[in-house]
Amino acid sequence: MDQVAWAMSTHMQALSKTTVSGQLESIESYIHVTWALIALPGIFIVSGVGCLIWAIIKTKQHGLDAWEPSKIALLFHGLDPSPTRQSLIKTISEMQEVSEQVEVNRTQGAEGHLFLHRKED
């Protein structure tokens, strides 16, 4: 690395037509840190962790179970428009029991989106 620095210095001095007299002692490196660019990702990380902690606390305060990595909750939400039935189902085990009895149809929209609809009795 010293060779590269020496070669660059020699090349830059050769390009210059200005003569400067003096004595070269040592090469010093200077680093300029833009703190705003470092602080922004840090703020996002701290706020994300804060939101996660807030969600954990609220979940515990309301006595709810943690969601498992199951797609049942995602598929179950929005199938039944009546809020009374959804408010009765609060746990994952209850959702699994109800999902075993529910039959749905999958349709494809005009733009290629997939939709799930509850089968009518």
PDB file of N, CA and C in Angstrom:
ATOM      1  N   MET A   1       0.824  -1.182   0.000  1.00  0.00           N
ATOM      2  CA  MET A   1       0.000   0.000   0.000  1.00  0.00           C
ATOM      3  C   MET A   1       0.872   1.252   0.000  1.00  0.00           C
ATOM      4  N   ASP A   2       2.014   1.177   0.663  1.00  0.00           N
ATOM      5  CA  ASP A   2       2.925   2.322   0.679  1.00  0.00           C
ATOM      6  C   ASP A   2       3.410   2.638  -0.728  1.00  0.00           C
ATOM      7  N   GLN A   3       3.629   1.608  -1.524  1.00  0.00           N
ATOM      8  CA  GLN A   3       4.098   1.803  -2.898  1.00  0.00           C
ATOM      9  C   GLN A   3       3.057   2.548  -3.730  1.00  0.00           C
ATOM     10  N   VAL A   4       1.786   2.219  -3.519  1.00  0.00           N
ATOM     11  CA  VAL A   4       0.715   2.872  -4.268  1.00  0.00           C
ATOM     12  C   VAL A   4       0.650   4.345  -3.896  1.00  0.00           C
ATOM     13  N   ALA A   5       0.711   4.635  -2.593  1.00  0.00           N
ATOM     14  CA  ALA A   5       0.672   6.027  -2.145  1.00  0.00           C
ATOM     15  C   ALA A   5       1.872   6.803  -2.680  1.00  0.00           C
ATOM     16  N   TRP A   6       3.050   6.185  -2.662  1.00  0.00           N
ATOM     17  CA  TRP A   6       4.253   6.862  -3.152  1.00  0.00           C
ATOM     18  C   TRP A   6       4.143   7.112  -4.660  1.00  0.00           C
ATOM     19  N   ALA A   7       3.644   6.116  -5.408  1.00  0.00           N
ATOM     20  CA  ALA A   7       3.506   6.253  -6.861  1.00  0.00           C
ATOM     21  C   ALA A   7       2.496   7.335  -7.219  1.00  0.00           C
ATOM     22  N   MET A   8       1.375   7.398  -6.483  1.00  0.00           N
ATOM     23  CA  MET A   8       0.375   8.430  -6.748  1.00  0.00           C
ATOM     24  C   MET A   8       0.932   9.815  -6.440  1.00  0.00           C
ATOM     25  N   SER A   9       1.636   9.944  -5.341  1.00  0.00           N
ATOM     26  CA  SER A   9       2.236  11.234  -4.982  1.00  0.00           C
ATOM     27  C   SER A   9       3.239  11.680  -6.035  1.00  0.00           C
ATOM     28  N   THR A  10       4.081  10.770  -6.483  1.00  0.00           N
ATOM     29  CA  THR A  10       5.088  11.088  -7.499  1.00  0.00           C
ATOM     30  C   THR A  10       4.412  11.492  -8.803  1.00  0.00           C
ATOM     31  N   HIS A  11       3.342  10.795  -9.179  1.00  0.00           N
ATOM     32  CA  HIS A  11       2.630  11.106 -10.416  1.00  0.00           C
ATOM     33  C   HIS A  11       1.969  12.484 -10.329  1.00  0.00           C
ATOM     34  N   MET A  12       1.316  12.771  -9.203  1.00  0.00           N
ATOM     35  CA  MET A  12       0.663  14.077  -9.023  1.00  0.00           C
ATOM     36  C   MET A  12       1.691  15.207  -9.037  1.00  0.00           C
ATOM     37  N   GLN A  13       2.839  14.975  -8.430  1.00  0.00           N
ATOM     38  CA  GLN A  13       3.879  16.000  -8.420  1.00  0.00           C
ATOM     39  C   GLN A  13       4.444  16.211  -9.825  1.00  0.00           C
ATOM     40  N   ALA A  14       4.516  15.177 -10.610  1.00  0.00           N
ATOM     41  CA  ALA A  14       5.046  15.288 -11.966  1.00  0.00           C
ATOM     42  C   ALA A  14       4.083  16.066 -12.868  1.00  0.00           C
ATOM     43  N   LEU A  15       2.776  15.972 -12.608  1.00  0.00           N
ATOM     44  CA  LEU A  15       1.786  16.693 -13.413  1.00  0.00           C
ATOM     45  C   LEU A  15       1.779  18.194 -13.109  1.00  0.00           C
ATOM     46  N   SER A  16       2.152  18.556 -11.910  1.00  0.00           N
ATOM     47  CA  SER A  16       2.091  19.958 -11.487  1.00  0.00           C
ATOM     48  C   SER A  16       3.254  20.750 -12.069  1.00  0.00           C
ATOM     49  N   LYS A  17       2.985  22.001 -12.470  1.00  0.00           N
ATOM     50  CA  LYS A  17       4.035  22.883 -12.986  1.00  0.00           C
ATOM     51  C   LYS A  17       4.484  23.866 -11.910  1.00  0.00           C
ATOM     52  N   THR A  18       3.890  23.756 -10.730  1.00  0.00           N
ATOM     53  CA  THR A  18       4.227  24.651  -9.628  1.00  0.00           C
ATOM     54  C   THR A  18       5.305  24.018  -8.768  1.00  0.00           C
ATOM     55  N   THR A  19       6.272  24.819  -8.407  1.00  0.00           N
ATOM     56  CA  THR A  19       7.355  24.338  -7.553  1.00  0.00           C
ATOM     57  C   THR A  19       7.106  24.830  -6.136  1.00  0.00           C
ATOM     58  N   VAL A  20       7.174  23.921  -5.211  1.00  0.00           N
ATOM     59  CA  VAL A  20       6.985  24.250  -3.802  1.00  0.00           C
ATOM     60  C   VAL A  20       8.180  23.703  -3.058  1.00  0.00           C
ATOM     61  N   SER A  21       8.776  24.566  -2.250  1.00  0.00           N
ATOM     62  CA  SER A  21       9.913  24.086  -1.468  1.00  0.00           C
ATOM     63  C   SER A  21       9.447  23.800  -0.058  1.00  0.00           C
ATOM     64  N   GLY A  22       9.953  22.772   0.511  1.00  0.00           N
ATOM     65  CA  GLY A  22       9.579  22.388   1.863  1.00  0.00           C
ATOM     66  C   GLY A  22      10.097  20.998   2.149  1.00  0.00           C
ATOM     67  N   GLN A  23       9.661  20.499   3.262  1.00  0.00           N
ATOM     68  CA  GLN A  23      10.142  19.195   3.682  1.00  0.00           C
ATOM     69  C   GLN A  23       8.934  18.295   3.933  1.00  0.00           C
ATOM     70  N   LEU A  24       8.944  17.112   3.357  1.00  0.00           N
ATOM     71  CA  LEU A  24       7.879  16.139   3.512  1.00  0.00           C
ATOM     72  C   LEU A  24       8.220  15.247   4.693  1.00  0.00           C
ATOM     73  N   GLU A  25       7.325  15.236   5.677  1.00  0.00           N
ATOM     74  CA  GLU A  25       7.610  14.469   6.886  1.00  0.00           C
ATOM     75  C   GLU A  25       6.931  13.097   6.854  1.00  0.00           C
ATOM     76  N   SER A  26       5.619  13.107   6.777  1.00  0.00           N
ATOM     77  CA  SER A  26       4.900  11.831   6.771  1.00  0.00           C
ATOM     78  C   SER A  26       3.528  12.031   6.132  1.00  0.00           C
ATOM     79  N   ILE A  27       2.939  10.939   5.726  1.00  0.00           N
ATOM     80  CA  ILE A  27       1.609  10.969   5.124  1.00  0.00           C
ATOM     81  C   ILE A  27       0.590  10.707   6.230  1.00  0.00           C
ATOM     82  N   GLU A  28      -0.424  11.570   6.313  1.00  0.00           N
ATOM     83  CA  GLU A  28      -1.484  11.412   7.305  1.00  0.00           C
ATOM     84  C   GLU A  28      -2.805  11.197   6.582  1.00  0.00           C
ATOM     85  N   SER A  29      -3.599  10.312   7.123  1.00  0.00           N
ATOM     86  CA  SER A  29      -4.920  10.055   6.562  1.00  0.00           C
ATOM     87  C   SER A  29      -5.960  10.813   7.369  1.00  0.00           C
ATOM     88  N   TYR A  30      -6.888  11.412   6.675  1.00  0.00           N
ATOM     89  CA  TYR A  30      -7.991  12.119   7.317  1.00  0.00           C
ATOM     90  C   TYR A  30      -9.290  11.467   6.863  1.00  0.00           C
ATOM     91  N   ILE A  31     -10.167  11.216   7.824  1.00  0.00           N
ATOM     92  CA  ILE A  31     -11.455  10.597   7.526  1.00  0.00           C
ATOM     93  C   ILE A  31     -12.540  11.568   7.950  1.00  0.00           C
ATOM     94  N   HIS A  32     -13.450  11.846   7.019  1.00  0.00           N
ATOM     95  CA  HIS A  32     -14.588  12.722   7.309  1.00  0.00           C
ATOM     96  C   HIS A  32     -15.835  11.845   7.397  1.00  0.00           C
ATOM     97  N   VAL A  33     -16.501  11.858   8.543  1.00  0.00           N
ATOM     98  CA  VAL A  33     -17.681  11.029   8.768  1.00  0.00           C
ATOM     99  C   VAL A  33     -18.921  11.907   8.658  1.00  0.00           C
ATOM    100  N   THR A  34     -19.847  11.495   7.812  1.00  0.00           N
ATOM    101  CA  THR A  34     -21.136  12.170   7.714  1.00  0.00           C
ATOM    102  C   THR A  34     -22.091  11.446   8.663  1.00  0.00           C
ATOM    103  N   TRP A  35     -22.276  12.019   9.852  1.00  0.00           N
ATOM    104  CA  TRP A  35     -23.031  11.351  10.901  1.00  0.00           C
ATOM    105  C   TRP A  35     -24.493  11.163  10.537  1.00  0.00           C
ATOM    106  N   ALA A  36     -25.044  12.034   9.716  1.00  0.00           N
ATOM    107  CA  ALA A  36     -26.454  11.891   9.347  1.00  0.00           C
ATOM    108  C   ALA A  36     -26.683  10.593   8.572  1.00  0.00           C
ATOM    109  N   LEU A  37     -25.728  10.200   7.754  1.00  0.00           N
ATOM    110  CA  LEU A  37     -25.883   8.962   6.992  1.00  0.00           C
ATOM    111  C   LEU A  37     -25.753   7.722   7.873  1.00  0.00           C
ATOM    112  N   ILE A  38     -25.045   7.843   8.972  1.00  0.00           N
ATOM    113  CA  ILE A  38     -24.917   6.727   9.908  1.00  0.00           C
ATOM    114  C   ILE A  38     -26.090   6.720  10.885  1.00  0.00           C
ATOM    115  N   ALA A  39     -26.570   7.901  11.256  1.00  0.00           N
ATOM    116  CA  ALA A  39     -27.646   7.996  12.241  1.00  0.00           C
ATOM    117  C   ALA A  39     -28.980   7.512  11.683  1.00  0.00           C
ATOM    118  N   LEU A  40     -29.246   7.733  10.409  1.00  0.00           N
ATOM    119  CA  LEU A  40     -30.537   7.354   9.840  1.00  0.00           C
ATOM    120  C   LEU A  40     -30.812   5.847   9.929  1.00  0.00           C
ATOM    121  N   PRO A  41     -29.909   4.971   9.500  1.00  0.00           N
ATOM    122  CA  PRO A  41     -30.176   3.538   9.699  1.00  0.00           C
ATOM    123  C   PRO A  41     -30.272   3.163  11.179  1.00  0.00           C
ATOM    124  N   GLY A  42     -29.498   3.834  12.011  1.00  0.00           N
ATOM    125  CA  GLY A  42     -29.580   3.577  13.449  1.00  0.00           C
ATOM    126  C   GLY A  42     -30.946   3.923  14.013  1.00  0.00           C
ATOM    127  N   ILE A  43     -31.511   5.038  13.553  1.00  0.00           N
ATOM    128  CA  ILE A  43     -32.850   5.435  13.995  1.00  0.00           C
ATOM    129  C   ILE A  43     -33.879   4.405  13.555  1.00  0.00           C
ATOM    130  N   PHE A  44     -33.747   3.895  12.317  1.00  0.00           N
ATOM    131  CA  PHE A  44     -34.679   2.878  11.838  1.00  0.00           C
ATOM    132  C   PHE A  44     -34.586   1.592  12.656  1.00  0.00           C
ATOM    133  N   ILE A  45     -33.394   1.195  13.007  1.00  0.00           N
ATOM    134  CA  ILE A  45     -33.219  -0.028  13.801  1.00  0.00           C
ATOM    135  C   ILE A  45     -33.821   0.147  15.192  1.00  0.00           C
ATOM    136  N   VAL A  46     -33.524   1.281  15.836  1.00  0.00           N
ATOM    137  CA  VAL A  46     -34.050   1.536  17.181  1.00  0.00           C
ATOM    138  C   VAL A  46     -35.572   1.625  17.162  1.00  0.00           C
ATOM    139  N   SER A  47     -36.147   2.311  16.170  1.00  0.00           N
ATOM    140  CA  SER A  47     -37.602   2.420  16.115  1.00  0.00           C
ATOM    141  C   SER A  47     -38.255   1.081  15.797  1.00  0.00           C
ATOM    142  N   GLY A  48     -37.615   0.256  14.962  1.00  0.00           N
ATOM    143  CA  GLY A  48     -38.147  -1.074  14.671  1.00  0.00           C
ATOM    144  C   GLY A  48     -38.162  -1.965  15.899  1.00  0.00           C
ATOM    145  N   VAL A  49     -37.078  -1.931  16.657  1.00  0.00           N
ATOM    146  CA  VAL A  49     -37.021  -2.710  17.900  1.00  0.00           C
ATOM    147  C   VAL A  49     -38.052  -2.178  18.897  1.00  0.00           C
ATOM    148  N   GLY A  50     -38.224  -0.859  18.930  1.00  0.00           N
ATOM    149  CA  GLY A  50     -39.230  -0.254  19.815  1.00  0.00           C
ATOM    150  C   GLY A  50     -40.633  -0.702  19.456  1.00  0.00           C
ATOM    151  N   CYS A  51     -40.956  -0.752  18.163  1.00  0.00           N
ATOM    152  CA  CYS A  51     -42.275  -1.220  17.729  1.00  0.00           C
ATOM    153  C   CYS A  51     -42.481  -2.690  18.080  1.00  0.00           C
ATOM    154  N   LEU A  52     -41.439  -3.485  17.927  1.00  0.00           N
ATOM    155  CA  LEU A  52     -41.539  -4.902  18.276  1.00  0.00           C
ATOM    156  C   LEU A  52     -41.812  -5.075  19.773  1.00  0.00           C
ATOM    157  N   ILE A  53     -41.091  -4.346  20.601  1.00  0.00           N
ATOM    158  CA  ILE A  53     -41.300  -4.424  22.053  1.00  0.00           C
ATOM    159  C   ILE A  53     -42.699  -3.946  22.423  1.00  0.00           C
ATOM    160  N   TRP A  54     -43.158  -2.867  21.783  1.00  0.00           N
ATOM    161  CA  TRP A  54     -44.504  -2.346  22.037  1.00  0.00           C
ATOM    162  C   TRP A  54     -45.550  -3.401  21.677  1.00  0.00           C
ATOM    163  N   ALA A  55     -45.386  -4.085  20.534  1.00  0.00           N
ATOM    164  CA  ALA A  55     -46.345  -5.102  20.119  1.00  0.00           C
ATOM    165  C   ALA A  55     -46.346  -6.286  21.087  1.00  0.00           C
ATOM    166  N   ILE A  56     -45.176  -6.665  21.574  1.00  0.00           N
ATOM    167  CA  ILE A  56     -45.094  -7.761  22.547  1.00  0.00           C
ATOM    168  C   ILE A  56     -45.819  -7.392  23.829  1.00  0.00           C
ATOM    169  N   ILE A  57     -45.596  -6.174  24.312  1.00  0.00           N
ATOM    170  CA  ILE A  57     -46.247  -5.728  25.555  1.00  0.00           C
ATOM    171  C   ILE A  57     -47.758  -5.678  25.381  1.00  0.00           C
ATOM    172  N   LYS A  58     -48.245  -5.106  24.264  1.00  0.00           N
ATOM    173  CA  LYS A  58     -49.690  -5.015  24.022  1.00  0.00           C
ATOM    174  C   LYS A  58     -50.317  -6.401  23.893  1.00  0.00           C
ATOM    175  N   THR A  59     -49.622  -7.329  23.262  1.00  0.00           N
ATOM    176  CA  THR A  59     -50.138  -8.690  23.126  1.00  0.00           C
ATOM    177  C   THR A  59     -50.296  -9.338  24.494  1.00  0.00           C
ATOM    178  N   LYS A  60     -49.297  -9.144  25.357  1.00  0.00           N
ATOM    179  CA  LYS A  60     -49.370  -9.711  26.712  1.00  0.00           C
ATOM    180  C   LYS A  60     -50.459  -9.032  27.543  1.00  0.00           C
ATOM    181  N   GLN A  61     -50.625  -7.708  27.409  1.00  0.00           N
ATOM    182  CA  GLN A  61     -51.642  -6.982  28.175  1.00  0.00           C
ATOM    183  C   GLN A  61     -53.053  -7.448  27.827  1.00  0.00           C
ATOM    184  N   HIS A  62     -53.290  -7.772  26.562  1.00  0.00           N
ATOM    185  CA  HIS A  62     -54.619  -8.210  26.137  1.00  0.00           C
ATOM    186  C   HIS A  62     -54.813  -9.711  26.302  1.00  0.00           C
ATOM    187  N   GLY A  63     -53.786 -10.407  26.776  1.00  0.00           N
ATOM    188  CA  GLY A  63     -53.894 -11.840  27.028  1.00  0.00           C
ATOM    189  C   GLY A  63     -53.996 -12.677  25.764  1.00  0.00           C
ATOM    190  N   LEU A  64     -53.426 -12.208  24.685  1.00  0.00           N
ATOM    191  CA  LEU A  64     -53.498 -12.937  23.421  1.00  0.00           C
ATOM    192  C   LEU A  64     -52.296 -13.853  23.264  1.00  0.00           C
ATOM    193  N   ASP A  65     -52.500 -14.915  22.487  1.00  0.00           N
ATOM    194  CA  ASP A  65     -51.398 -15.818  22.185  1.00  0.00           C
ATOM    195  C   ASP A  65     -50.554 -15.226  21.057  1.00  0.00           C
ATOM    196  N   ALA A  66     -49.315 -15.618  21.022  1.00  0.00           N
ATOM    197  CA  ALA A  66     -48.444 -15.197  19.922  1.00  0.00           C
ATOM    198  C   ALA A  66     -48.837 -15.964  18.673  1.00  0.00           C
ATOM    199  N   TRP A  67     -48.744 -15.305  17.513  1.00  0.00           N
ATOM    200  CA  TRP A  67     -49.085 -15.976  16.262  1.00  0.00           C
ATOM    201  C   TRP A  67     -47.979 -16.938  15.897  1.00  0.00           C
ATOM    202  N   GLU A  68     -48.384 -18.124  15.519  1.00  0.00           N
ATOM    203  CA  GLU A  68     -47.442 -19.116  15.030  1.00  0.00           C
ATOM    204  C   GLU A  68     -47.196 -18.858  13.547  1.00  0.00           C
ATOM    205  N   PRO A  69     -46.161 -19.460  12.999  1.00  0.00           N
ATOM    206  CA  PRO A  69     -45.932 -19.278  11.562  1.00  0.00           C
ATOM    207  C   PRO A  69     -46.921 -20.111  10.736  1.00  0.00           C
ATOM    208  N   SER A  70     -48.189 -19.775  10.857  1.00  0.00           N
ATOM    209  CA  SER A  70     -49.246 -20.507  10.184  1.00  0.00           C
ATOM    210  C   SER A  70     -49.974 -19.567   9.226  1.00  0.00           C
ATOM    211  N   LYS A  71     -50.420 -20.105   8.118  1.00  0.00           N
ATOM    212  CA  LYS A  71     -51.142 -19.296   7.139  1.00  0.00           C
ATOM    213  C   LYS A  71     -52.634 -19.251   7.431  1.00  0.00           C
ATOM    214  N   ILE A  72     -53.078 -19.939   8.456  1.00  0.00           N
ATOM    215  CA  ILE A  72     -54.504 -19.969   8.772  1.00  0.00           C
ATOM    216  C   ILE A  72     -55.015 -18.580   9.119  1.00  0.00           C
ATOM    217  N   ALA A  73     -54.267 -17.846   9.920  1.00  0.00           N
ATOM    218  CA  ALA A  73     -54.716 -16.508  10.299  1.00  0.00           C
ATOM    219  C   ALA A  73     -54.833 -15.605   9.077  1.00  0.00           C
ATOM    220  N   LEU A  74     -53.884 -15.699   8.176  1.00  0.00           N
ATOM    221  CA  LEU A  74     -53.911 -14.890   6.963  1.00  0.00           C
ATOM    222  C   LEU A  74     -55.105 -15.269   6.090  1.00  0.00           C
ATOM    223  N   LEU A  75     -55.340 -16.560   5.924  1.00  0.00           N
ATOM    224  CA  LEU A  75     -56.454 -16.998   5.103  1.00  0.00           C
ATOM    225  C   LEU A  75     -57.800 -16.767   5.783  1.00  0.00           C
ATOM    226  N   PHE A  76     -57.831 -16.852   7.089  1.00  0.00           N
ATOM    227  CA  PHE A  76     -59.081 -16.716   7.815  1.00  0.00           C
ATOM    228  C   PHE A  76     -59.560 -15.274   7.834  1.00  0.00           C
ATOM    229  N   HIS A  77     -58.670 -14.357   7.919  1.00  0.00           N
ATOM    230  CA  HIS A  77     -59.030 -12.943   8.007  1.00  0.00           C
ATOM    231  C   HIS A  77     -59.689 -12.494   6.706  1.00  0.00           C
ATOM    232  N   GLY A  78     -60.842 -11.903   6.827  1.00  0.00           N
ATOM    233  CA  GLY A  78     -61.508 -11.344   5.662  1.00  0.00           C
ATOM    234  C   GLY A  78     -62.460 -12.290   4.957  1.00  0.00           C
ATOM    235  N   LEU A  79     -62.496 -13.585   5.323  1.00  0.00           N
ATOM    236  CA  LEU A  79     -63.422 -14.498   4.674  1.00  0.00           C
ATOM    237  C   LEU A  79     -64.847 -14.290   5.155  1.00  0.00           C
ATOM    238  N   ASP A  80     -64.998 -13.990   6.428  1.00  0.00           N
ATOM    239  CA  ASP A  80     -66.330 -13.804   6.986  1.00  0.00           C
ATOM    240  C   ASP A  80     -66.523 -12.324   7.291  1.00  0.00           C
ATOM    241  N   PRO A  81     -67.413 -11.641   6.591  1.00  0.00           N
ATOM    242  CA  PRO A  81     -67.567 -10.205   6.814  1.00  0.00           C
ATOM    243  C   PRO A  81     -68.281  -9.853   8.114  1.00  0.00           C
ATOM    244  N   SER A  82     -68.936 -10.820   8.774  1.00  0.00           N
ATOM    245  CA  SER A  82     -69.666 -10.467   9.996  1.00  0.00           C
ATOM    246  C   SER A  82     -68.698 -10.317  11.164  1.00  0.00           C
ATOM    247  N   PRO A  83     -68.663  -9.143  11.804  1.00  0.00           N
ATOM    248  CA  PRO A  83     -67.718  -8.932  12.899  1.00  0.00           C
ATOM    249  C   PRO A  83     -68.050  -9.733  14.148  1.00  0.00           C
ATOM    250  N   THR A  84     -69.305 -10.142  14.300  1.00  0.00           N
ATOM    251  CA  THR A  84     -69.669 -10.888  15.504  1.00  0.00           C
ATOM    252  C   THR A  84     -68.998 -12.252  15.525  1.00  0.00           C
ATOM    253  N   ARG A  85     -68.941 -12.914  14.383  1.00  0.00           N
ATOM    254  CA  ARG A  85     -68.318 -14.239  14.335  1.00  0.00           C
ATOM    255  C   ARG A  85     -66.809 -14.150  14.527  1.00  0.00           C
ATOM    256  N   GLN A  86     -66.180 -13.146  13.933  1.00  0.00           N
ATOM    257  CA  GLN A  86     -64.740 -12.991  14.089  1.00  0.00           C
ATOM    258  C   GLN A  86     -64.369 -12.628  15.518  1.00  0.00           C
ATOM    259  N   SER A  87     -65.212 -11.879  16.194  1.00  0.00           N
ATOM    260  CA  SER A  87     -64.878 -11.481  17.566  1.00  0.00           C
ATOM    261  C   SER A  87     -64.955 -12.667  18.521  1.00  0.00           C
ATOM    262  N   LEU A  88     -65.691 -13.734  18.160  1.00  0.00           N
ATOM    263  CA  LEU A  88     -65.782 -14.905  19.023  1.00  0.00           C
ATOM    264  C   LEU A  88     -64.537 -15.782  18.928  1.00  0.00           C
ATOM    265  N   ILE A  89     -63.831 -15.721  17.826  1.00  0.00           N
ATOM    266  CA  ILE A  89     -62.654 -16.564  17.609  1.00  0.00           C
ATOM    267  C   ILE A  89     -61.419 -15.758  17.969  1.00  0.00           C
ATOM    268  N   LYS A  90     -60.737 -16.181  19.052  1.00  0.00           N
ATOM    269  CA  LYS A  90     -59.603 -15.400  19.540  1.00  0.00           C
ATOM    270  C   LYS A  90     -58.292 -16.163  19.553  1.00  0.00           C
ATOM    271  N   THR A  91     -58.342 -17.462  19.569  1.00  0.00           N
ATOM    272  CA  THR A  91     -57.099 -18.229  19.659  1.00  0.00           C
ATOM    273  C   THR A  91     -56.837 -18.981  18.365  1.00  0.00           C
ATOM    274  N   ILE A  92     -55.613 -19.393  18.209  1.00  0.00           N
ATOM    275  CA  ILE A  92     -55.233 -20.136  17.009  1.00  0.00           C
ATOM    276  C   ILE A  92     -55.928 -21.489  16.970  1.00  0.00           C
ATOM    277  N   SER A  93     -56.075 -22.128  18.129  1.00  0.00           N
ATOM    278  CA  SER A  93     -56.731 -23.443  18.152  1.00  0.00           C
ATOM    279  C   SER A  93     -58.198 -23.322  17.727  1.00  0.00           C
ATOM    280  N   GLU A  94     -58.883 -22.256  18.161  1.00  0.00           N
ATOM    281  CA  GLU A  94     -60.269 -22.051  17.720  1.00  0.00           C
ATOM    282  C   GLU A  94     -60.322 -21.795  16.212  1.00  0.00           C
ATOM    283  N   MET A  95     -59.351 -21.055  15.707  1.00  0.00           N
ATOM    284  CA  MET A  95     -59.296 -20.764  14.281  1.00  0.00           C
ATOM    285  C   MET A  95     -59.060 -22.045  13.486  1.00  0.00           C
ATOM    286  N   GLN A  96     -58.234 -22.945  14.010  1.00  0.00           N
ATOM    287  CA  GLN A  96     -57.982 -24.213  13.324  1.00  0.00           C
ATOM    288  C   GLN A  96     -59.240 -25.072  13.298  1.00  0.00           C
ATOM    289  N   GLU A  97     -59.987 -25.078  14.411  1.00  0.00           N
ATOM    290  CA  GLU A  97     -61.223 -25.857  14.456  1.00  0.00           C
ATOM    291  C   GLU A  97     -62.230 -25.345  13.434  1.00  0.00           C
ATOM    292  N   VAL A  98     -62.411 -24.024  13.376  1.00  0.00           N
ATOM    293  CA  VAL A  98     -63.369 -23.449  12.439  1.00  0.00           C
ATOM    294  C   VAL A  98     -62.897 -23.646  11.004  1.00  0.00           C
ATOM    295  N   SER A  99     -61.587 -23.547  10.766  1.00  0.00           N
ATOM    296  CA  SER A  99     -61.070 -23.660   9.396  1.00  0.00           C
ATOM    297  C   SER A  99     -61.264 -25.066   8.834  1.00  0.00           C
ATOM    298  N   GLU A 100     -61.356 -26.078   9.702  1.00  0.00           N
ATOM    299  CA  GLU A 100     -61.596 -27.433   9.216  1.00  0.00           C
ATOM    300  C   GLU A 100     -63.009 -27.591   8.673  1.00  0.00           C
ATOM    301  N   GLN A 101     -63.933 -26.739   9.103  1.00  0.00           N
ATOM    302  CA  GLN A 101     -65.325 -26.832   8.674  1.00  0.00           C
ATOM    303  C   GLN A 101     -65.651 -25.880   7.521  1.00  0.00           C
ATOM    304  N   VAL A 102     -64.771 -24.936   7.240  1.00  0.00           N
ATOM    305  CA  VAL A 102     -65.039 -23.923   6.220  1.00  0.00           C
ATOM    306  C   VAL A 102     -64.545 -24.413   4.866  1.00  0.00           C
ATOM    307  N   GLU A 103     -65.373 -24.245   3.847  1.00  0.00           N
ATOM    308  CA  GLU A 103     -64.969 -24.553   2.488  1.00  0.00           C
ATOM    309  C   GLU A 103     -64.903 -23.252   1.710  1.00  0.00           C
ATOM    310  N   VAL A 104     -63.842 -23.104   0.922  1.00  0.00           N
ATOM    311  CA  VAL A 104     -63.662 -21.869   0.152  1.00  0.00           C
ATOM    312  C   VAL A 104     -63.419 -22.192  -1.316  1.00  0.00           C
ATOM    313  N   ASN A 105     -63.719 -21.223  -2.160  1.00  0.00           N
ATOM    314  CA  ASN A 105     -63.425 -21.298  -3.594  1.00  0.00           C
ATOM    315  C   ASN A 105     -62.328 -20.300  -3.900  1.00  0.00           C
ATOM    316  N   ARG A 106     -61.447 -20.691  -4.794  1.00  0.00           N
ATOM    317  CA  ARG A 106     -60.391 -19.780  -5.253  1.00  0.00           C
ATOM    318  C   ARG A 106     -60.738 -19.351  -6.667  1.00  0.00           C
ATOM    319  N   THR A 107     -60.768 -18.025  -6.872  1.00  0.00           N
ATOM    320  CA  THR A 107     -61.038 -17.497  -8.203  1.00  0.00           C
ATOM    321  C   THR A 107     -59.896 -16.578  -8.606  1.00  0.00           C
ATOM    322  N   GLN A 108     -59.780 -16.386  -9.910  1.00  0.00           N
ATOM    323  CA  GLN A 108     -58.731 -15.508 -10.419  1.00  0.00           C
ATOM    324  C   GLN A 108     -59.396 -14.295 -11.041  1.00  0.00           C
ATOM    325  N   GLY A 109     -58.924 -13.104 -10.629  1.00  0.00           N
ATOM    326  CA  GLY A 109     -59.474 -11.863 -11.149  1.00  0.00           C
ATOM    327  C   GLY A 109     -58.953 -11.549 -12.537  1.00  0.00           C
ATOM    328  N   ALA A 110     -59.417 -10.418 -13.060  1.00  0.00           N
ATOM    329  CA  ALA A 110     -59.051 -10.006 -14.419  1.00  0.00           C
ATOM    330  C   ALA A 110     -57.553  -9.730 -14.556  1.00  0.00           C
ATOM    331  N   GLU A 111     -56.938  -9.228 -13.516  1.00  0.00           N
ATOM    332  CA  GLU A 111     -55.514  -8.893 -13.578  1.00  0.00           C
ATOM    333  C   GLU A 111     -54.621 -10.023 -13.078  1.00  0.00           C
ATOM    334  N   GLY A 112     -55.192 -11.192 -12.858  1.00  0.00           N
ATOM    335  CA  GLY A 112     -54.406 -12.332 -12.429  1.00  0.00           C
ATOM    336  C   GLY A 112     -54.331 -12.505 -10.920  1.00  0.00           C
ATOM    337  N   HIS A 113     -55.015 -11.654 -10.136  1.00  0.00           N
ATOM    338  CA  HIS A 113     -55.006 -11.771  -8.680  1.00  0.00           C
ATOM    339  C   HIS A 113     -55.878 -12.953  -8.251  1.00  0.00           C
ATOM    340  N   LEU A 114     -55.461 -13.634  -7.205  1.00  0.00           N
ATOM    341  CA  LEU A 114     -56.233 -14.766  -6.680  1.00  0.00           C
ATOM    342  C   LEU A 114     -57.093 -14.293  -5.526  1.00  0.00           C
ATOM    343  N   PHE A 115     -58.335 -14.777  -5.477  1.00  0.00           N
ATOM    344  CA  PHE A 115     -59.267 -14.416  -4.418  1.00  0.00           C
ATOM    345  C   PHE A 115     -59.824 -15.675  -3.780  1.00  0.00           C
ATOM    346  N   LEU A 116     -60.076 -15.640  -2.478  1.00  0.00           N
ATOM    347  CA  LEU A 116     -60.719 -16.738  -1.765  1.00  0.00           C
ATOM    348  C   LEU A 116     -62.117 -16.283  -1.358  1.00  0.00           C
ATOM    349  N   HIS A 117     -63.121 -17.109  -1.650  1.00  0.00           N
ATOM    350  CA  HIS A 117     -64.501 -16.802  -1.301  1.00  0.00           C
ATOM    351  C   HIS A 117     -65.069 -18.004  -0.548  1.00  0.00           C
ATOM    352  N   ARG A 118     -65.839 -17.713   0.488  1.00  0.00           N
ATOM    353  CA  ARG A 118     -66.496 -18.784   1.234  1.00  0.00           C
ATOM    354  C   ARG A 118     -67.576 -19.406   0.352  1.00  0.00           C
ATOM    355  N   LYS A 119     -67.601 -20.754   0.325  1.00  0.00           N
ATOM    356  CA  LYS A 119     -68.631 -21.437  -0.453  1.00  0.00           C
ATOM    357  C   LYS A 119     -69.988 -21.205   0.210  1.00  0.00           C
ATOM    358  N   GLU A 120     -70.956 -20.918  -0.604  1.00  0.00           N
ATOM    359  CA  GLU A 120     -72.305 -20.722  -0.086  1.00  0.00           C
ATOM    360  C   GLU A 120     -72.948 -22.083   0.157  1.00  0.00           C
ATOM    361  N   ASP A 121     -73.725 -22.174   1.235  1.00  0.00           N
ATOM    362  CA  ASP A 121     -74.376 -23.443   1.595  1.00  0.00           C
ATOM    363  C   ASP A 121     -75.498 -23.779   0.654  1.00  0.00           C
TER     364      ASP A 121
END
